[in-house]
Amino acid sequence: MIIDFHTHVFPDAIAKSTIDFLASKSGYVPYGDGSLKSLISLMDNGNVDKSVILPVVTKPSQFKSINEFAHKLNNTDRIYSFGGIHPADETPFEHLDQIKQMGLYGIKLHPDYQSAFIDDKRYIEIIRYALSIGLAIVTHAGIDEGCSGEVKCTPDRILHMFDAVYKGNMPTQPRIILAHAGGFKMHTEVLEKLCGIPAYFDLAYVMEYADPDIIMSIIRTHGADKILFATDSPWSDQKISIKKLKSLPLSAEEIDKIFSKNALTILNK
């Protein structure tokens, strides 16, 4: 089984325009148009069994519409969906309860798009409460080339966030996922500072672009039991990413963990 733990889908009416806008900001060329139909086509082409959708709430007023769309996607065959919340949400605990009641699997945070550092006290409160009610958390980590200004989720700030959330009582079973192998284009720091912490790293948008030796070093140092296959589709092609992961010197057991077993643990499947 193959589960892509990091994908994006938008309502049909705005999918293409949204992807075109994001492409113009980042300079990246997408593999699909951001619609559910496009994602399913990419999944079929890559023999991906399931995909996890990670919506991003870029302003508090989007909470209702984005999470209702996520809930609709979550009832679609082959799709699992997280919800989204903004750090400036005025009723975050109530909204996290709603996300849980909707049957969504967790929340996606994007500090750069949400204009807040990952160790902001508002994020700390949101993450603590989300964990307390059984929601997983995925956060963008590292550089986002579509955003200017200071990087909002660096390895140092991630460590500060972990200290504030867990207060020294680190969990044995991680529920926080750091996207882009712990920090996009900050992998030397990830190796030095983050490998070994109780968090999953997803491989979104790194299989096609990062040095394979760096990826292997992160997997070996952090442990294959805390790595998730992911593509950031439509920004990476699932078929190409799968081929590149299979080309790494990993055992069959490690490949199985990365492709699906670790994801199923997070999703309680």
C-alpha atoms as a PDB file:
ATOM      1  CA  MET A   1       0.000   0.000   0.000  1.00  0.00           C
ATOM      2  CA  ILE A   2       1.154   3.552  -0.762  1.00  0.00           C
ATOM      3  CA  ILE A   3      -0.212   6.577   1.107  1.00  0.00           C
ATOM      4  CA  ASP A   4       0.786  10.083   0.059  1.00  0.00           C
ATOM      5  CA  PHE A   5       0.599  11.992   3.345  1.00  0.00           C
ATOM      6  CA  HIS A   6       0.830  15.531   1.927  1.00  0.00           C
ATOM      7  CA  THR A   7      -1.366  16.685  -0.962  1.00  0.00           C
ATOM      8  CA  HIS A   8      -3.502  19.699  -1.809  1.00  0.00           C
ATOM      9  CA  VAL A   9      -6.927  19.966  -3.431  1.00  0.00           C
ATOM     10  CA  PHE A  10      -9.150  23.006  -3.997  1.00  0.00           C
ATOM     11  CA  PRO A  11     -12.803  23.391  -5.001  1.00  0.00           C
ATOM     12  CA  ASP A  12     -13.245  23.044  -8.760  1.00  0.00           C
ATOM     13  CA  ALA A  13     -14.365  26.663  -9.151  1.00  0.00           C
ATOM     14  CA  ILE A  14     -11.053  28.038  -7.856  1.00  0.00           C
ATOM     15  CA  ALA A  15      -8.595  25.163  -8.284  1.00  0.00           C
ATOM     16  CA  LYS A  16      -6.857  26.261 -11.487  1.00  0.00           C
ATOM     17  CA  SER A  17      -6.705  29.958 -10.592  1.00  0.00           C
ATOM     18  CA  THR A  18      -5.318  29.115  -7.131  1.00  0.00           C
ATOM     19  CA  ILE A  19      -2.627  26.833  -8.540  1.00  0.00           C
ATOM     20  CA  ASP A  20      -1.728  29.391 -11.219  1.00  0.00           C
ATOM     21  CA  PHE A  21      -1.357  32.082  -8.541  1.00  0.00           C
ATOM     22  CA  LEU A  22       0.809  29.877  -6.297  1.00  0.00           C
ATOM     23  CA  ALA A  23       2.936  28.854  -9.267  1.00  0.00           C
ATOM     24  CA  SER A  24       3.528  32.491 -10.176  1.00  0.00           C
ATOM     25  CA  LYS A  25       4.662  33.254  -6.611  1.00  0.00           C
ATOM     26  CA  SER A  26       6.961  30.259  -6.219  1.00  0.00           C
ATOM     27  CA  GLY A  27       8.199  29.736  -9.750  1.00  0.00           C
ATOM     28  CA  TYR A  28       7.338  26.044  -9.556  1.00  0.00           C
ATOM     29  CA  VAL A  29       5.448  24.213 -12.299  1.00  0.00           C
ATOM     30  CA  PRO A  30       2.565  22.048 -11.026  1.00  0.00           C
ATOM     31  CA  TYR A  31       1.783  18.557 -12.264  1.00  0.00           C
ATOM     32  CA  GLY A  32      -1.982  19.007 -11.959  1.00  0.00           C
ATOM     33  CA  ASP A  33      -4.612  21.715 -11.710  1.00  0.00           C
ATOM     34  CA  GLY A  34      -5.357  21.343  -7.993  1.00  0.00           C
ATOM     35  CA  SER A  35      -8.725  19.642  -8.434  1.00  0.00           C
ATOM     36  CA  LEU A  36      -9.748  16.339  -6.860  1.00  0.00           C
ATOM     37  CA  LYS A  37     -10.115  14.816 -10.323  1.00  0.00           C
ATOM     38  CA  SER A  38      -6.546  15.820 -11.141  1.00  0.00           C
ATOM     39  CA  LEU A  39      -5.213  14.321  -7.888  1.00  0.00           C
ATOM     40  CA  ILE A  40      -7.027  11.028  -8.501  1.00  0.00           C
ATOM     41  CA  SER A  41      -5.544  10.905 -12.002  1.00  0.00           C
ATOM     42  CA  LEU A  42      -2.036  11.440 -10.580  1.00  0.00           C
ATOM     43  CA  MET A  43      -2.711   8.748  -7.966  1.00  0.00           C
ATOM     44  CA  ASP A  44      -3.805   6.298 -10.648  1.00  0.00           C
ATOM     45  CA  ASN A  45      -0.704   7.059 -12.697  1.00  0.00           C
ATOM     46  CA  GLY A  46       1.554   6.494  -9.697  1.00  0.00           C
ATOM     47  CA  ASN A  47      -0.337   3.527  -8.185  1.00  0.00           C
ATOM     48  CA  VAL A  48      -0.998   5.497  -5.001  1.00  0.00           C
ATOM     49  CA  ASP A  49      -3.737   3.920  -2.889  1.00  0.00           C
ATOM     50  CA  LYS A  50      -4.641   6.833  -0.588  1.00  0.00           C
ATOM     51  CA  SER A  51      -3.832  10.520  -0.286  1.00  0.00           C
ATOM     52  CA  VAL A  52      -4.040  12.852   2.701  1.00  0.00           C
ATOM     53  CA  ILE A  53      -5.366  16.344   1.940  1.00  0.00           C
ATOM     54  CA  LEU A  54      -3.883  19.226   3.947  1.00  0.00           C
ATOM     55  CA  PRO A  55      -5.907  22.460   3.651  1.00  0.00           C
ATOM     56  CA  VAL A  56      -4.412  25.793   4.710  1.00  0.00           C
ATOM     57  CA  VAL A  57      -6.561  28.506   6.330  1.00  0.00           C
ATOM     58  CA  THR A  58      -4.850  31.777   5.388  1.00  0.00           C
ATOM     59  CA  LYS A  59      -7.285  34.014   7.305  1.00  0.00           C
ATOM     60  CA  PRO A  60      -9.685  33.232  10.169  1.00  0.00           C
ATOM     61  CA  SER A  61     -12.797  33.943   8.087  1.00  0.00           C
ATOM     62  CA  GLN A  62     -12.006  30.926   5.884  1.00  0.00           C
ATOM     63  CA  PHE A  63     -12.471  28.420   8.699  1.00  0.00           C
ATOM     64  CA  LYS A  64     -16.038  27.380   7.864  1.00  0.00           C
ATOM     65  CA  SER A  65     -15.728  27.074   4.088  1.00  0.00           C
ATOM     66  CA  ILE A  66     -12.352  25.319   4.083  1.00  0.00           C
ATOM     67  CA  ASN A  67     -13.282  22.782   6.745  1.00  0.00           C
ATOM     68  CA  GLU A  68     -16.652  22.042   5.185  1.00  0.00           C
ATOM     69  CA  PHE A  69     -14.812  21.311   1.934  1.00  0.00           C
ATOM     70  CA  ALA A  70     -12.298  19.162   3.843  1.00  0.00           C
ATOM     71  CA  HIS A  71     -15.185  17.237   5.433  1.00  0.00           C
ATOM     72  CA  LYS A  72     -16.671  16.615   1.988  1.00  0.00           C
ATOM     73  CA  LEU A  73     -13.318  15.357   0.692  1.00  0.00           C
ATOM     74  CA  ASN A  74     -12.925  13.135   3.742  1.00  0.00           C
ATOM     75  CA  ASN A  75     -16.003  11.197   2.657  1.00  0.00           C
ATOM     76  CA  THR A  76     -14.459  10.544  -0.781  1.00  0.00           C
ATOM     77  CA  ASP A  77     -13.043   7.158  -1.719  1.00  0.00           C
ATOM     78  CA  ARG A  78      -9.213   6.974  -1.391  1.00  0.00           C
ATOM     79  CA  ILE A  79      -8.987  10.298   0.475  1.00  0.00           C
ATOM     80  CA  TYR A  80      -8.213  11.186   4.084  1.00  0.00           C
ATOM     81  CA  SER A  81      -8.437  14.864   5.008  1.00  0.00           C
ATOM     82  CA  PHE A  82      -7.100  17.086   7.732  1.00  0.00           C
ATOM     83  CA  GLY A  83      -8.733  20.362   8.695  1.00  0.00           C
ATOM     84  CA  GLY A  84      -7.235  23.808   8.998  1.00  0.00           C
ATOM     85  CA  ILE A  85      -7.157  26.617  11.528  1.00  0.00           C
ATOM     86  CA  HIS A  86      -5.553  30.057  11.710  1.00  0.00           C
ATOM     87  CA  PRO A  87      -3.512  31.225  14.727  1.00  0.00           C
ATOM     88  CA  ALA A  88      -5.617  34.411  14.905  1.00  0.00           C
ATOM     89  CA  ASP A  89      -8.839  32.387  15.266  1.00  0.00           C
ATOM     90  CA  GLU A  90     -10.920  33.974  18.049  1.00  0.00           C
ATOM     91  CA  THR A  91     -12.435  30.664  19.220  1.00  0.00           C
ATOM     92  CA  PRO A  92      -9.703  28.110  18.450  1.00  0.00           C
ATOM     93  CA  PHE A  93     -10.713  25.457  20.999  1.00  0.00           C
ATOM     94  CA  GLU A  94     -14.336  25.480  19.846  1.00  0.00           C
ATOM     95  CA  HIS A  95     -13.185  25.199  16.245  1.00  0.00           C
ATOM     96  CA  LEU A  96     -10.760  22.388  17.022  1.00  0.00           C
ATOM     97  CA  ASP A  97     -13.639  20.528  18.649  1.00  0.00           C
ATOM     98  CA  GLN A  98     -15.616  21.015  15.437  1.00  0.00           C
ATOM     99  CA  ILE A  99     -12.755  19.636  13.358  1.00  0.00           C
ATOM    100  CA  LYS A 100     -12.659  16.587  15.620  1.00  0.00           C
ATOM    101  CA  GLN A 101     -16.434  16.139  15.422  1.00  0.00           C
ATOM    102  CA  MET A 102     -16.276  16.324  11.613  1.00  0.00           C
ATOM    103  CA  GLY A 103     -14.091  13.219  11.642  1.00  0.00           C
ATOM    104  CA  LEU A 104     -11.067  15.017  10.209  1.00  0.00           C
ATOM    105  CA  TYR A 105      -7.722  13.504  11.181  1.00  0.00           C
ATOM    106  CA  GLY A 106      -5.842  16.556  12.318  1.00  0.00           C
ATOM    107  CA  ILE A 107      -4.900  20.111  11.415  1.00  0.00           C
ATOM    108  CA  LYS A 108      -2.494  21.684   8.942  1.00  0.00           C
ATOM    109  CA  LEU A 109      -0.515  24.764   9.980  1.00  0.00           C
ATOM    110  CA  HIS A 110       1.504  26.931   7.628  1.00  0.00           C
ATOM    111  CA  PRO A 111       3.409  29.587   9.589  1.00  0.00           C
ATOM    112  CA  ASP A 112       4.581  31.465   6.477  1.00  0.00           C
ATOM    113  CA  TYR A 113       1.116  31.712   4.902  1.00  0.00           C
ATOM    114  CA  GLN A 114      -0.391  32.471   8.314  1.00  0.00           C
ATOM    115  CA  SER A 115       2.201  35.153   9.208  1.00  0.00           C
ATOM    116  CA  ALA A 116       3.163  33.707  12.592  1.00  0.00           C
ATOM    117  CA  PHE A 117       6.217  31.915  13.930  1.00  0.00           C
ATOM    118  CA  ILE A 118       5.678  28.269  14.850  1.00  0.00           C
ATOM    119  CA  ASP A 119       6.636  29.019  18.483  1.00  0.00           C
ATOM    120  CA  ASP A 120       4.056  31.824  18.726  1.00  0.00           C
ATOM    121  CA  LYS A 121       2.017  31.343  21.910  1.00  0.00           C
ATOM    122  CA  ARG A 122      -1.185  31.098  19.832  1.00  0.00           C
ATOM    123  CA  TYR A 123       0.210  28.106  17.956  1.00  0.00           C
ATOM    124  CA  ILE A 124       1.377  26.574  21.227  1.00  0.00           C
ATOM    125  CA  GLU A 125      -2.142  26.712  22.646  1.00  0.00           C
ATOM    126  CA  ILE A 126      -3.672  25.360  19.448  1.00  0.00           C
ATOM    127  CA  ILE A 127      -1.182  22.490  19.241  1.00  0.00           C
ATOM    128  CA  ARG A 128      -1.594  21.552  22.921  1.00  0.00           C
ATOM    129  CA  TYR A 129      -5.365  21.452  22.669  1.00  0.00           C
ATOM    130  CA  ALA A 130      -5.371  19.633  19.336  1.00  0.00           C
ATOM    131  CA  LEU A 131      -3.114  16.944  20.782  1.00  0.00           C
ATOM    132  CA  SER A 132      -5.294  16.663  23.879  1.00  0.00           C
ATOM    133  CA  ILE A 133      -8.356  15.763  21.775  1.00  0.00           C
ATOM    134  CA  GLY A 134      -6.530  13.320  19.526  1.00  0.00           C
ATOM    135  CA  LEU A 135      -5.830  15.447  16.469  1.00  0.00           C
ATOM    136  CA  ALA A 136      -2.509  15.131  14.658  1.00  0.00           C
ATOM    137  CA  ILE A 137      -0.673  18.258  13.516  1.00  0.00           C
ATOM    138  CA  VAL A 138       1.168  18.800  10.232  1.00  0.00           C
ATOM    139  CA  THR A 139       3.159  22.003   9.895  1.00  0.00           C
ATOM    140  CA  HIS A 140       5.085  23.390   6.980  1.00  0.00           C
ATOM    141  CA  ALA A 141       8.731  23.484   8.014  1.00  0.00           C
ATOM    142  CA  GLY A 142      11.665  25.337   6.549  1.00  0.00           C
ATOM    143  CA  ILE A 143      11.738  27.783   3.651  1.00  0.00           C
ATOM    144  CA  ASP A 144       8.724  28.500   1.470  1.00  0.00           C
ATOM    145  CA  GLU A 145       9.946  30.051  -1.759  1.00  0.00           C
ATOM    146  CA  GLY A 146       6.554  31.580  -2.412  1.00  0.00           C
ATOM    147  CA  CYS A 147       6.858  33.692   0.744  1.00  0.00           C
ATOM    148  CA  SER A 148       9.240  36.521   1.507  1.00  0.00           C
ATOM    149  CA  GLY A 149      10.599  37.657   4.851  1.00  0.00           C
ATOM    150  CA  GLU A 150      11.992  35.748   7.798  1.00  0.00           C
ATOM    151  CA  VAL A 151      11.448  31.982   7.787  1.00  0.00           C
ATOM    152  CA  LYS A 152       8.682  31.250  10.267  1.00  0.00           C
ATOM    153  CA  CYS A 153       9.410  27.590  11.036  1.00  0.00           C
ATOM    154  CA  THR A 154      13.133  26.984  11.484  1.00  0.00           C
ATOM    155  CA  PRO A 155      14.684  24.049  13.372  1.00  0.00           C
ATOM    156  CA  ASP A 156      15.460  26.314  16.342  1.00  0.00           C
ATOM    157  CA  ARG A 157      11.872  27.562  16.535  1.00  0.00           C
ATOM    158  CA  ILE A 158      10.583  24.001  16.190  1.00  0.00           C
ATOM    159  CA  LEU A 159      12.665  22.968  19.195  1.00  0.00           C
ATOM    160  CA  HIS A 160      11.325  25.926  21.155  1.00  0.00           C
ATOM    161  CA  MET A 161       7.770  24.966  20.178  1.00  0.00           C
ATOM    162  CA  PHE A 162       8.324  21.364  21.314  1.00  0.00           C
ATOM    163  CA  ASP A 163       9.666  22.522  24.666  1.00  0.00           C
ATOM    164  CA  ALA A 164       6.640  24.803  25.151  1.00  0.00           C
ATOM    165  CA  VAL A 165       4.080  22.197  24.054  1.00  0.00           C
ATOM    166  CA  TYR A 166       5.435  19.210  25.973  1.00  0.00           C
ATOM    167  CA  LYS A 167       7.223  20.983  28.855  1.00  0.00           C
ATOM    168  CA  GLY A 168       9.913  18.318  28.982  1.00  0.00           C
ATOM    169  CA  ASN A 169       7.468  15.389  28.974  1.00  0.00           C
ATOM    170  CA  MET A 170       8.096  14.200  25.424  1.00  0.00           C
ATOM    171  CA  PRO A 171       5.686  11.607  24.000  1.00  0.00           C
ATOM    172  CA  THR A 172       6.652   8.071  23.025  1.00  0.00           C
ATOM    173  CA  GLN A 173       4.247   8.147  20.047  1.00  0.00           C
ATOM    174  CA  PRO A 174       4.654  11.260  17.857  1.00  0.00           C
ATOM    175  CA  ARG A 175       1.566  13.188  16.741  1.00  0.00           C
ATOM    176  CA  ILE A 176       3.332  16.159  15.145  1.00  0.00           C
ATOM    177  CA  ILE A 177       4.501  15.927  11.533  1.00  0.00           C
ATOM    178  CA  LEU A 178       7.164  18.292  10.176  1.00  0.00           C
ATOM    179  CA  ALA A 179       6.764  18.681   6.437  1.00  0.00           C
ATOM    180  CA  HIS A 180       9.531  18.685   3.834  1.00  0.00           C
ATOM    181  CA  ALA A 181      11.878  16.324   5.706  1.00  0.00           C
ATOM    182  CA  GLY A 182      11.855  18.527   8.781  1.00  0.00           C
ATOM    183  CA  GLY A 183      12.666  21.807   7.049  1.00  0.00           C
ATOM    184  CA  PHE A 184      12.718  22.591   3.335  1.00  0.00           C
ATOM    185  CA  LYS A 185      16.198  23.654   2.172  1.00  0.00           C
ATOM    186  CA  MET A 186      17.375  23.616   5.811  1.00  0.00           C
ATOM    187  CA  HIS A 187      18.348  19.955   5.925  1.00  0.00           C
ATOM    188  CA  THR A 188      21.837  20.443   7.346  1.00  0.00           C
ATOM    189  CA  GLU A 189      20.219  22.084  10.387  1.00  0.00           C
ATOM    190  CA  VAL A 190      17.587  19.345  10.483  1.00  0.00           C
ATOM    191  CA  LEU A 191      20.336  16.743  10.740  1.00  0.00           C
ATOM    192  CA  GLU A 192      22.113  18.689  13.459  1.00  0.00           C
ATOM    193  CA  LYS A 193      19.126  19.718  15.561  1.00  0.00           C
ATOM    194  CA  LEU A 194      15.893  17.850  14.800  1.00  0.00           C
ATOM    195  CA  CYS A 195      16.731  14.235  14.020  1.00  0.00           C
ATOM    196  CA  GLY A 196      15.685  12.116  16.975  1.00  0.00           C
ATOM    197  CA  ILE A 197      12.932  14.365  18.318  1.00  0.00           C
ATOM    198  CA  PRO A 198       9.469  12.773  18.755  1.00  0.00           C
ATOM    199  CA  ALA A 199       8.065  13.948  15.428  1.00  0.00           C
ATOM    200  CA  TYR A 200       7.425  12.472  12.025  1.00  0.00           C
ATOM    201  CA  PHE A 201       9.097  14.014   8.981  1.00  0.00           C
ATOM    202  CA  ASP A 202       7.191  13.860   5.710  1.00  0.00           C
ATOM    203  CA  LEU A 203       9.057  13.810   2.397  1.00  0.00           C
ATOM    204  CA  ALA A 204       6.838  16.351   0.625  1.00  0.00           C
ATOM    205  CA  TYR A 205       8.552  18.100  -2.260  1.00  0.00           C
ATOM    206  CA  VAL A 206      12.001  16.730  -1.461  1.00  0.00           C
ATOM    207  CA  MET A 207      12.246  13.441  -3.383  1.00  0.00           C
ATOM    208  CA  GLU A 208      12.575  15.139  -6.769  1.00  0.00           C
ATOM    209  CA  TYR A 209      14.726  18.053  -5.621  1.00  0.00           C
ATOM    210  CA  ALA A 210      16.913  17.202  -2.618  1.00  0.00           C
ATOM    211  CA  ASP A 211      20.239  15.379  -2.751  1.00  0.00           C
ATOM    212  CA  PRO A 212      19.527  11.632  -2.232  1.00  0.00           C
ATOM    213  CA  ASP A 213      22.474  11.426   0.174  1.00  0.00           C
ATOM    214  CA  ILE A 214      20.907  14.121   2.380  1.00  0.00           C
ATOM    215  CA  ILE A 215      17.569  12.301   2.328  1.00  0.00           C
ATOM    216  CA  MET A 216      19.247   9.026   3.291  1.00  0.00           C
ATOM    217  CA  SER A 217      21.181  10.729   6.089  1.00  0.00           C
ATOM    218  CA  ILE A 218      17.944  12.115   7.511  1.00  0.00           C
ATOM    219  CA  ILE A 219      16.166   8.761   7.250  1.00  0.00           C
ATOM    220  CA  ARG A 220      19.065   6.898   8.843  1.00  0.00           C
ATOM    221  CA  THR A 221      19.585   9.461  11.622  1.00  0.00           C
ATOM    222  CA  HIS A 222      15.914  10.050  12.428  1.00  0.00           C
ATOM    223  CA  GLY A 223      14.714   6.480  11.808  1.00  0.00           C
ATOM    224  CA  ALA A 224      12.496   5.045   9.076  1.00  0.00           C
ATOM    225  CA  ASP A 225       9.749   4.519  11.654  1.00  0.00           C
ATOM    226  CA  LYS A 226       9.295   8.315  11.769  1.00  0.00           C
ATOM    227  CA  ILE A 227       9.322   9.083   8.017  1.00  0.00           C
ATOM    228  CA  LEU A 228       6.241   9.484   5.810  1.00  0.00           C
ATOM    229  CA  PHE A 229       6.026   9.250   2.038  1.00  0.00           C
ATOM    230  CA  ALA A 230       4.603  12.526   0.740  1.00  0.00           C
ATOM    231  CA  THR A 231       4.793  14.620  -2.422  1.00  0.00           C
ATOM    232  CA  ASP A 232       3.060  17.986  -1.902  1.00  0.00           C
ATOM    233  CA  SER A 233       1.031  17.101  -5.002  1.00  0.00           C
ATOM    234  CA  PRO A 234       0.434  18.830  -7.370  1.00  0.00           C
ATOM    235  CA  TRP A 235       3.907  20.307  -6.832  1.00  0.00           C
ATOM    236  CA  SER A 236       5.667  16.957  -7.168  1.00  0.00           C
ATOM    237  CA  ASP A 237       4.740  13.965  -9.301  1.00  0.00           C
ATOM    238  CA  GLN A 238       3.789  10.918  -7.250  1.00  0.00           C
ATOM    239  CA  LYS A 239       5.119   8.406  -9.775  1.00  0.00           C
ATOM    240  CA  ILE A 240       8.544  10.090  -9.938  1.00  0.00           C
ATOM    241  CA  SER A 241       8.750  10.460  -6.147  1.00  0.00           C
ATOM    242  CA  ILE A 242       7.891   6.784  -5.628  1.00  0.00           C
ATOM    243  CA  LYS A 243      10.574   5.714  -8.092  1.00  0.00           C
ATOM    244  CA  LYS A 244      13.191   7.872  -6.374  1.00  0.00           C
ATOM    245  CA  LEU A 245      12.285   6.579  -2.908  1.00  0.00           C
ATOM    246  CA  LYS A 246      12.492   2.974  -4.121  1.00  0.00           C
ATOM    247  CA  SER A 247      15.942   3.704  -5.555  1.00  0.00           C
ATOM    248  CA  LEU A 248      17.347   4.548  -2.104  1.00  0.00           C
ATOM    249  CA  PRO A 249      19.276   1.830  -0.208  1.00  0.00           C
ATOM    250  CA  LEU A 250      16.412   0.986   2.137  1.00  0.00           C
ATOM    251  CA  SER A 251      15.206  -2.419   3.275  1.00  0.00           C
ATOM    252  CA  ALA A 252      11.792  -3.746   2.285  1.00  0.00           C
ATOM    253  CA  GLU A 253      10.665  -3.261   5.884  1.00  0.00           C
ATOM    254  CA  GLU A 254      11.797   0.379   5.879  1.00  0.00           C
ATOM    255  CA  ILE A 255      10.081   1.053   2.549  1.00  0.00           C
ATOM    256  CA  ASP A 256       6.861  -0.485   3.891  1.00  0.00           C
ATOM    257  CA  LYS A 257       6.976   1.765   6.969  1.00  0.00           C
ATOM    258  CA  ILE A 258       7.579   4.911   4.934  1.00  0.00           C
ATOM    259  CA  PHE A 259       4.987   4.131   2.262  1.00  0.00           C
ATOM    260  CA  SER A 260       2.112   3.210   4.565  1.00  0.00           C
ATOM    261  CA  LYS A 261       2.670   1.695   8.024  1.00  0.00           C
ATOM    262  CA  ASN A 262       3.689   4.940   9.706  1.00  0.00           C
ATOM    263  CA  ALA A 263       0.797   6.787   8.082  1.00  0.00           C
ATOM    264  CA  LEU A 264      -1.704   4.163   9.207  1.00  0.00           C
ATOM    265  CA  THR A 265      -0.448   4.561  12.782  1.00  0.00           C
ATOM    266  CA  ILE A 266      -1.102   8.322  12.692  1.00  0.00           C
ATOM    267  CA  LEU A 267      -4.514   7.814  11.082  1.00  0.00           C
ATOM    268  CA  ASN A 268      -5.422   5.058  13.584  1.00  0.00           C
ATOM    269  CA  LYS A 269      -6.153   2.635  10.768  1.00  0.00           C
END
